[in-house]
Amino acid sequence: MKTQEDVFATLRELMSEMFELTPDDITLEANLRQDLDIDSIDAVDLMVRLREITGKRINPEDFKNARTIQDVVDTVYRISAE
């Protein structure tokens, strides 16, 4: 995942598959809990899948503060670049 756009595209595909969401609903501004109904257990599942894809460990604290898809994209992009 080279760019933030790549991260977003991967995340959109992953979330639509994992949580049966419509890709059009997964926007950068979408709130994980309110708009997409992603709870803490879903977030853990997503972290596990992202670790498999990136090969990098994702700190739960980074994810705990994520409120929107943009927050997740920023976190994954930053971790991937390390």
PDB file of N, CA and C in Angstrom:
ATOM      1  N   MET A   1       0.857  -1.176   0.000  1.00  0.00           N
ATOM      2  CA  MET A   1       0.000   0.000   0.000  1.00  0.00           C
ATOM      3  C   MET A   1       0.900   1.235   0.000  1.00  0.00           C
ATOM      4  N   LYS A   2       0.967   1.842  -1.145  1.00  0.00           N
ATOM      5  CA  LYS A   2       1.909   2.929  -1.335  1.00  0.00           C
ATOM      6  C   LYS A   2       1.360   4.295  -0.918  1.00  0.00           C
ATOM      7  N   THR A   3       0.115   4.540  -1.221  1.00  0.00           N
ATOM      8  CA  THR A   3      -0.459   5.859  -0.937  1.00  0.00           C
ATOM      9  C   THR A   3      -1.661   5.714  -0.002  1.00  0.00           C
ATOM     10  N   GLN A   4      -2.132   6.845   0.479  1.00  0.00           N
ATOM     11  CA  GLN A   4      -3.336   6.811   1.317  1.00  0.00           C
ATOM     12  C   GLN A   4      -4.536   6.339   0.499  1.00  0.00           C
ATOM     13  N   GLU A   5      -4.548   6.633  -0.781  1.00  0.00           N
ATOM     14  CA  GLU A   5      -5.630   6.162  -1.647  1.00  0.00           C
ATOM     15  C   GLU A   5      -5.612   4.627  -1.732  1.00  0.00           C
ATOM     16  N   ASP A   6      -4.405   4.058  -1.794  1.00  0.00           N
ATOM     17  CA  ASP A   6      -4.285   2.597  -1.807  1.00  0.00           C
ATOM     18  C   ASP A   6      -4.802   1.995  -0.507  1.00  0.00           C
ATOM     19  N   VAL A   7      -4.442   2.635   0.600  1.00  0.00           N
ATOM     20  CA  VAL A   7      -4.902   2.167   1.910  1.00  0.00           C
ATOM     21  C   VAL A   7      -6.424   2.223   1.970  1.00  0.00           C
ATOM     22  N   PHE A   8      -6.996   3.330   1.507  1.00  0.00           N
ATOM     23  CA  PHE A   8      -8.452   3.485   1.529  1.00  0.00           C
ATOM     24  C   PHE A   8      -9.130   2.430   0.661  1.00  0.00           C
ATOM     25  N   ALA A   9      -8.595   2.188  -0.524  1.00  0.00           N
ATOM     26  CA  ALA A   9      -9.186   1.194  -1.425  1.00  0.00           C
ATOM     27  C   ALA A   9      -9.147  -0.202  -0.793  1.00  0.00           C
ATOM     28  N   THR A  10      -8.031  -0.543  -0.175  1.00  0.00           N
ATOM     29  CA  THR A  10      -7.907  -1.840   0.491  1.00  0.00           C
ATOM     30  C   THR A  10      -8.858  -1.936   1.671  1.00  0.00           C
ATOM     31  N   LEU A  11      -8.916  -0.877   2.445  1.00  0.00           N
ATOM     32  CA  LEU A  11      -9.796  -0.844   3.620  1.00  0.00           C
ATOM     33  C   LEU A  11     -11.261  -0.946   3.209  1.00  0.00           C
ATOM     34  N   ARG A  12     -11.635  -0.244   2.165  1.00  0.00           N
ATOM     35  CA  ARG A  12     -13.018  -0.278   1.669  1.00  0.00           C
ATOM     36  C   ARG A  12     -13.402  -1.692   1.239  1.00  0.00           C
ATOM     37  N   GLU A  13     -12.504  -2.331   0.493  1.00  0.00           N
ATOM     38  CA  GLU A  13     -12.755  -3.695   0.028  1.00  0.00           C
ATOM     39  C   GLU A  13     -12.853  -4.663   1.213  1.00  0.00           C
ATOM     40  N   LEU A  14     -11.931  -4.527   2.139  1.00  0.00           N
ATOM     41  CA  LEU A  14     -11.882  -5.397   3.310  1.00  0.00           C
ATOM     42  C   LEU A  14     -13.129  -5.245   4.177  1.00  0.00           C
ATOM     43  N   MET A  15     -13.518  -4.012   4.436  1.00  0.00           N
ATOM     44  CA  MET A  15     -14.675  -3.767   5.306  1.00  0.00           C
ATOM     45  C   MET A  15     -15.985  -4.190   4.642  1.00  0.00           C
ATOM     46  N   SER A  16     -16.084  -4.006   3.333  1.00  0.00           N
ATOM     47  CA  SER A  16     -17.327  -4.427   2.675  1.00  0.00           C
ATOM     48  C   SER A  16     -17.442  -5.947   2.713  1.00  0.00           C
ATOM     49  N   GLU A  17     -16.305  -6.639   2.607  1.00  0.00           N
ATOM     50  CA  GLU A  17     -16.296  -8.097   2.670  1.00  0.00           C
ATOM     51  C   GLU A  17     -16.560  -8.588   4.102  1.00  0.00           C
ATOM     52  N   MET A  18     -15.851  -8.033   5.071  1.00  0.00           N
ATOM     53  CA  MET A  18     -15.931  -8.517   6.450  1.00  0.00           C
ATOM     54  C   MET A  18     -17.262  -8.200   7.131  1.00  0.00           C
ATOM     55  N   PHE A  19     -17.767  -6.993   6.873  1.00  0.00           N
ATOM     56  CA  PHE A  19     -18.934  -6.517   7.620  1.00  0.00           C
ATOM     57  C   PHE A  19     -20.178  -6.352   6.762  1.00  0.00           C
ATOM     58  N   GLU A  20     -20.095  -6.839   5.519  1.00  0.00           N
ATOM     59  CA  GLU A  20     -21.225  -6.782   4.599  1.00  0.00           C
ATOM     60  C   GLU A  20     -21.764  -5.362   4.447  1.00  0.00           C
ATOM     61  N   LEU A  21     -20.834  -4.432   4.286  1.00  0.00           N
ATOM     62  CA  LEU A  21     -21.191  -3.034   4.079  1.00  0.00           C
ATOM     63  C   LEU A  21     -21.181  -2.725   2.589  1.00  0.00           C
ATOM     64  N   THR A  22     -21.985  -1.785   2.182  1.00  0.00           N
ATOM     65  CA  THR A  22     -21.980  -1.313   0.809  1.00  0.00           C
ATOM     66  C   THR A  22     -20.762  -0.405   0.632  1.00  0.00           C
ATOM     67  N   PRO A  23     -19.928  -0.664  -0.369  1.00  0.00           N
ATOM     68  CA  PRO A  23     -18.725   0.171  -0.558  1.00  0.00           C
ATOM     69  C   PRO A  23     -19.026   1.667  -0.607  1.00  0.00           C
ATOM     70  N   ASP A  24     -20.164   2.042  -1.157  1.00  0.00           N
ATOM     71  CA  ASP A  24     -20.518   3.462  -1.230  1.00  0.00           C
ATOM     72  C   ASP A  24     -20.711   4.084   0.147  1.00  0.00           C
ATOM     73  N   ASP A  25     -21.045   3.263   1.152  1.00  0.00           N
ATOM     74  CA  ASP A  25     -21.219   3.771   2.516  1.00  0.00           C
ATOM     75  C   ASP A  25     -19.883   4.010   3.219  1.00  0.00           C
ATOM     76  N   ILE A  26     -18.827   3.403   2.686  1.00  0.00           N
ATOM     77  CA  ILE A  26     -17.507   3.501   3.317  1.00  0.00           C
ATOM     78  C   ILE A  26     -16.775   4.688   2.699  1.00  0.00           C
ATOM     79  N   THR A  27     -16.968   5.840   3.307  1.00  0.00           N
ATOM     80  CA  THR A  27     -16.325   7.063   2.853  1.00  0.00           C
ATOM     81  C   THR A  27     -15.308   7.500   3.912  1.00  0.00           C
ATOM     82  N   LEU A  28     -14.425   8.383   3.547  1.00  0.00           N
ATOM     83  CA  LEU A  28     -13.418   8.858   4.487  1.00  0.00           C
ATOM     84  C   LEU A  28     -14.050   9.537   5.700  1.00  0.00           C
ATOM     85  N   GLU A  29     -15.206  10.152   5.508  1.00  0.00           N
ATOM     86  CA  GLU A  29     -15.862  10.881   6.589  1.00  0.00           C
ATOM     87  C   GLU A  29     -16.747   9.990   7.456  1.00  0.00           C
ATOM     88  N   ALA A  30     -16.996   8.759   7.024  1.00  0.00           N
ATOM     89  CA  ALA A  30     -17.920   7.875   7.752  1.00  0.00           C
ATOM     90  C   ALA A  30     -17.408   7.586   9.161  1.00  0.00           C
ATOM     91  N   ASN A  31     -18.309   7.726  10.124  1.00  0.00           N
ATOM     92  CA  ASN A  31     -17.997   7.403  11.516  1.00  0.00           C
ATOM     93  C   ASN A  31     -18.141   5.900  11.698  1.00  0.00           C
ATOM     94  N   LEU A  32     -17.114   5.299  12.271  1.00  0.00           N
ATOM     95  CA  LEU A  32     -17.101   3.840  12.406  1.00  0.00           C
ATOM     96  C   LEU A  32     -18.299   3.322  13.180  1.00  0.00           C
ATOM     97  N   ARG A  33     -18.578   3.911  14.311  1.00  0.00           N
ATOM     98  CA  ARG A  33     -19.644   3.415  15.174  1.00  0.00           C
ATOM     99  C   ARG A  33     -21.019   3.878  14.693  1.00  0.00           C
ATOM    100  N   GLN A  34     -21.168   5.166  14.460  1.00  0.00           N
ATOM    101  CA  GLN A  34     -22.493   5.718  14.149  1.00  0.00           C
ATOM    102  C   GLN A  34     -22.958   5.400  12.731  1.00  0.00           C
ATOM    103  N   ASP A  35     -22.063   5.549  11.764  1.00  0.00           N
ATOM    104  CA  ASP A  35     -22.476   5.369  10.368  1.00  0.00           C
ATOM    105  C   ASP A  35     -22.364   3.920   9.889  1.00  0.00           C
ATOM    106  N   LEU A  36     -21.352   3.204  10.400  1.00  0.00           N
ATOM    107  CA  LEU A  36     -21.070   1.862   9.881  1.00  0.00           C
ATOM    108  C   LEU A  36     -21.361   0.748  10.878  1.00  0.00           C
ATOM    109  N   ASP A  37     -21.724   1.119  12.098  1.00  0.00           N
ATOM    110  CA  ASP A  37     -22.078   0.145  13.145  1.00  0.00           C
ATOM    111  C   ASP A  37     -20.924  -0.828  13.436  1.00  0.00           C
ATOM    112  N   ILE A  38     -19.703  -0.282  13.454  1.00  0.00           N
ATOM    113  CA  ILE A  38     -18.514  -1.076  13.778  1.00  0.00           C
ATOM    114  C   ILE A  38     -18.295  -0.971  15.286  1.00  0.00           C
ATOM    115  N   ASP A  39     -18.386  -2.110  15.975  1.00  0.00           N
ATOM    116  CA  ASP A  39     -18.181  -2.095  17.428  1.00  0.00           C
ATOM    117  C   ASP A  39     -16.746  -2.512  17.750  1.00  0.00           C
ATOM    118  N   SER A  40     -16.432  -2.609  19.036  1.00  0.00           N
ATOM    119  CA  SER A  40     -15.055  -2.894  19.444  1.00  0.00           C
ATOM    120  C   SER A  40     -14.596  -4.280  18.995  1.00  0.00           C
ATOM    121  N   ILE A  41     -15.482  -5.243  18.979  1.00  0.00           N
ATOM    122  CA  ILE A  41     -15.109  -6.592  18.521  1.00  0.00           C
ATOM    123  C   ILE A  41     -14.805  -6.565  17.022  1.00  0.00           C
ATOM    124  N   ASP A  42     -15.628  -5.844  16.265  1.00  0.00           N
ATOM    125  CA  ASP A  42     -15.368  -5.682  14.831  1.00  0.00           C
ATOM    126  C   ASP A  42     -14.013  -5.004  14.604  1.00  0.00           C
ATOM    127  N   ALA A  43     -13.708  -4.011  15.427  1.00  0.00           N
ATOM    128  CA  ALA A  43     -12.443  -3.282  15.291  1.00  0.00           C
ATOM    129  C   ALA A  43     -11.255  -4.216  15.517  1.00  0.00           C
ATOM    130  N   VAL A  44     -11.364  -5.112  16.488  1.00  0.00           N
ATOM    131  CA  VAL A  44     -10.291  -6.082  16.745  1.00  0.00           C
ATOM    132  C   VAL A  44     -10.130  -7.000  15.534  1.00  0.00           C
ATOM    133  N   ASP A  45     -11.235  -7.484  14.992  1.00  0.00           N
ATOM    134  CA  ASP A  45     -11.175  -8.336  13.793  1.00  0.00           C
ATOM    135  C   ASP A  45     -10.501  -7.599  12.636  1.00  0.00           C
ATOM    136  N   LEU A  46     -10.840  -6.333  12.486  1.00  0.00           N
ATOM    137  CA  LEU A  46     -10.256  -5.526  11.421  1.00  0.00           C
ATOM    138  C   LEU A  46      -8.750  -5.342  11.649  1.00  0.00           C
ATOM    139  N   MET A  47      -8.347  -5.104  12.880  1.00  0.00           N
ATOM    140  CA  MET A  47      -6.923  -4.960  13.196  1.00  0.00           C
ATOM    141  C   MET A  47      -6.152  -6.230  12.836  1.00  0.00           C
ATOM    142  N   VAL A  48      -6.727  -7.382  13.130  1.00  0.00           N
ATOM    143  CA  VAL A  48      -6.072  -8.653  12.815  1.00  0.00           C
ATOM    144  C   VAL A  48      -5.874  -8.789  11.307  1.00  0.00           C
ATOM    145  N   ARG A  49      -6.918  -8.484  10.542  1.00  0.00           N
ATOM    146  CA  ARG A  49      -6.817  -8.588   9.073  1.00  0.00           C
ATOM    147  C   ARG A  49      -5.814  -7.589   8.512  1.00  0.00           C
ATOM    148  N   LEU A  50      -5.802  -6.379   9.059  1.00  0.00           N
ATOM    149  CA  LEU A  50      -4.861  -5.369   8.581  1.00  0.00           C
ATOM    150  C   LEU A  50      -3.425  -5.765   8.903  1.00  0.00           C
ATOM    151  N   ARG A  51      -3.222  -6.420  10.034  1.00  0.00           N
ATOM    152  CA  ARG A  51      -1.878  -6.894  10.387  1.00  0.00           C
ATOM    153  C   ARG A  51      -1.438  -7.958   9.384  1.00  0.00           C
ATOM    154  N   GLU A  52      -2.367  -8.836   8.990  1.00  0.00           N
ATOM    155  CA  GLU A  52      -2.045  -9.863   7.994  1.00  0.00           C
ATOM    156  C   GLU A  52      -1.650  -9.232   6.660  1.00  0.00           C
ATOM    157  N   ILE A  53      -2.348  -8.186   6.278  1.00  0.00           N
ATOM    158  CA  ILE A  53      -2.111  -7.531   4.992  1.00  0.00           C
ATOM    159  C   ILE A  53      -0.810  -6.722   5.010  1.00  0.00           C
ATOM    160  N   THR A  54      -0.598  -5.953   6.086  1.00  0.00           N
ATOM    161  CA  THR A  54       0.562  -5.058   6.141  1.00  0.00           C
ATOM    162  C   THR A  54       1.820  -5.745   6.656  1.00  0.00           C
ATOM    163  N   GLY A  55       1.631  -6.825   7.410  1.00  0.00           N
ATOM    164  CA  GLY A  55       2.774  -7.468   8.034  1.00  0.00           C
ATOM    165  C   GLY A  55       3.303  -6.689   9.219  1.00  0.00           C
ATOM    166  N   LYS A  56       2.560  -5.672   9.638  1.00  0.00           N
ATOM    167  CA  LYS A  56       2.967  -4.814  10.758  1.00  0.00           C
ATOM    168  C   LYS A  56       1.984  -4.966  11.902  1.00  0.00           C
ATOM    169  N   ARG A  57       2.498  -4.897  13.118  1.00  0.00           N
ATOM    170  CA  ARG A  57       1.639  -4.955  14.290  1.00  0.00           C
ATOM    171  C   ARG A  57       0.976  -3.593  14.478  1.00  0.00           C
ATOM    172  N   ILE A  58      -0.320  -3.621  14.698  1.00  0.00           N
ATOM    173  CA  ILE A  58      -1.073  -2.389  14.912  1.00  0.00           C
ATOM    174  C   ILE A  58      -1.362  -2.270  16.395  1.00  0.00           C
ATOM    175  N   ASN A  59      -0.942  -1.178  16.983  1.00  0.00           N
ATOM    176  CA  ASN A  59      -1.144  -0.928  18.406  1.00  0.00           C
ATOM    177  C   ASN A  59      -2.627  -0.656  18.668  1.00  0.00           C
ATOM    178  N   PRO A  60      -3.235  -1.407  19.577  1.00  0.00           N
ATOM    179  CA  PRO A  60      -4.656  -1.172  19.873  1.00  0.00           C
ATOM    180  C   PRO A  60      -4.950   0.268  20.289  1.00  0.00           C
ATOM    181  N   GLU A  61      -3.987   0.938  20.894  1.00  0.00           N
ATOM    182  CA  GLU A  61      -4.191   2.336  21.295  1.00  0.00           C
ATOM    183  C   GLU A  61      -4.414   3.236  20.079  1.00  0.00           C
ATOM    184  N   ASP A  62      -3.719   2.940  18.983  1.00  0.00           N
ATOM    185  CA  ASP A  62      -3.900   3.721  17.757  1.00  0.00           C
ATOM    186  C   ASP A  62      -5.320   3.581  17.244  1.00  0.00           C
ATOM    187  N   PHE A  63      -5.815   2.372  17.313  1.00  0.00           N
ATOM    188  CA  PHE A  63      -7.153   2.097  16.810  1.00  0.00           C
ATOM    189  C   PHE A  63      -8.226   2.600  17.756  1.00  0.00           C
ATOM    190  N   LYS A  64      -7.937   2.605  19.041  1.00  0.00           N
ATOM    191  CA  LYS A  64      -8.918   3.032  20.037  1.00  0.00           C
ATOM    192  C   LYS A  64      -9.369   4.471  19.788  1.00  0.00           C
ATOM    193  N   ASN A  65      -8.456   5.283  19.294  1.00  0.00           N
ATOM    194  CA  ASN A  65      -8.754   6.694  19.059  1.00  0.00           C
ATOM    195  C   ASN A  65      -9.357   6.966  17.682  1.00  0.00           C
ATOM    196  N   ALA A  66      -9.433   5.947  16.837  1.00  0.00           N
ATOM    197  CA  ALA A  66      -9.981   6.125  15.485  1.00  0.00           C
ATOM    198  C   ALA A  66     -11.495   6.275  15.557  1.00  0.00           C
ATOM    199  N   ARG A  67     -11.993   7.319  14.957  1.00  0.00           N
ATOM    200  CA  ARG A  67     -13.437   7.567  14.933  1.00  0.00           C
ATOM    201  C   ARG A  67     -14.024   7.462  13.526  1.00  0.00           C
ATOM    202  N   THR A  68     -13.195   7.784  12.544  1.00  0.00           N
ATOM    203  CA  THR A  68     -13.672   7.782  11.154  1.00  0.00           C
ATOM    204  C   THR A  68     -12.790   6.878  10.297  1.00  0.00           C
ATOM    205  N   ILE A  69     -13.241   6.623   9.089  1.00  0.00           N
ATOM    206  CA  ILE A  69     -12.443   5.855   8.140  1.00  0.00           C
ATOM    207  C   ILE A  69     -11.126   6.578   7.872  1.00  0.00           C
ATOM    208  N   GLN A  70     -11.167   7.904   7.788  1.00  0.00           N
ATOM    209  CA  GLN A  70      -9.925   8.678   7.572  1.00  0.00           C
ATOM    210  C   GLN A  70      -8.923   8.415   8.686  1.00  0.00           C
ATOM    211  N   ASP A  71      -9.384   8.317   9.934  1.00  0.00           N
ATOM    212  CA  ASP A  71      -8.492   8.018  11.057  1.00  0.00           C
ATOM    213  C   ASP A  71      -7.819   6.658  10.865  1.00  0.00           C
ATOM    214  N   VAL A  72      -8.584   5.679  10.402  1.00  0.00           N
ATOM    215  CA  VAL A  72      -8.036   4.336  10.178  1.00  0.00           C
ATOM    216  C   VAL A  72      -7.026   4.376   9.035  1.00  0.00           C
ATOM    217  N   VAL A  73      -7.378   5.069   7.951  1.00  0.00           N
ATOM    218  CA  VAL A  73      -6.469   5.189   6.807  1.00  0.00           C
ATOM    219  C   VAL A  73      -5.153   5.832   7.256  1.00  0.00           C
ATOM    220  N   ASP A  74      -5.241   6.919   8.018  1.00  0.00           N
ATOM    221  CA  ASP A  74      -4.034   7.603   8.498  1.00  0.00           C
ATOM    222  C   ASP A  74      -3.168   6.678   9.343  1.00  0.00           C
ATOM    223  N   THR A  75      -3.789   5.924  10.235  1.00  0.00           N
ATOM    224  CA  THR A  75      -3.063   5.013  11.120  1.00  0.00           C
ATOM    225  C   THR A  75      -2.375   3.913  10.323  1.00  0.00           C
ATOM    226  N   VAL A  76      -3.115   3.276   9.427  1.00  0.00           N
ATOM    227  CA  VAL A  76      -2.547   2.180   8.639  1.00  0.00           C
ATOM    228  C   VAL A  76      -1.438   2.698   7.720  1.00  0.00           C
ATOM    229  N   TYR A  77      -1.649   3.851   7.140  1.00  0.00           N
ATOM    230  CA  TYR A  77      -0.619   4.442   6.258  1.00  0.00           C
ATOM    231  C   TYR A  77       0.657   4.718   7.043  1.00  0.00           C
ATOM    232  N   ARG A  78       0.525   5.316   8.206  1.00  0.00           N
ATOM    233  CA  ARG A  78       1.683   5.641   9.036  1.00  0.00           C
ATOM    234  C   ARG A  78       2.433   4.367   9.455  1.00  0.00           C
ATOM    235  N   ILE A  79       1.691   3.358   9.866  1.00  0.00           N
ATOM    236  CA  ILE A  79       2.310   2.099  10.308  1.00  0.00           C
ATOM    237  C   ILE A  79       2.981   1.405   9.124  1.00  0.00           C
ATOM    238  N   SER A  80       2.361   1.440   7.968  1.00  0.00           N
ATOM    239  CA  SER A  80       2.931   0.792   6.776  1.00  0.00           C
ATOM    240  C   SER A  80       4.234   1.456   6.347  1.00  0.00           C
ATOM    241  N   ALA A  81       4.333   2.747   6.595  1.00  0.00           N
ATOM    242  CA  ALA A  81       5.518   3.499   6.172  1.00  0.00           C
ATOM    243  C   ALA A  81       6.700   3.313   7.127  1.00  0.00           C
ATOM    244  N   GLU A  82       6.443   2.789   8.310  1.00  0.00           N
ATOM    245  CA  GLU A  82       7.511   2.633   9.317  1.00  0.00           C
ATOM    246  C   GLU A  82       8.444   1.505   8.964  1.00  0.00           C
TER     247      GLU A  82
END
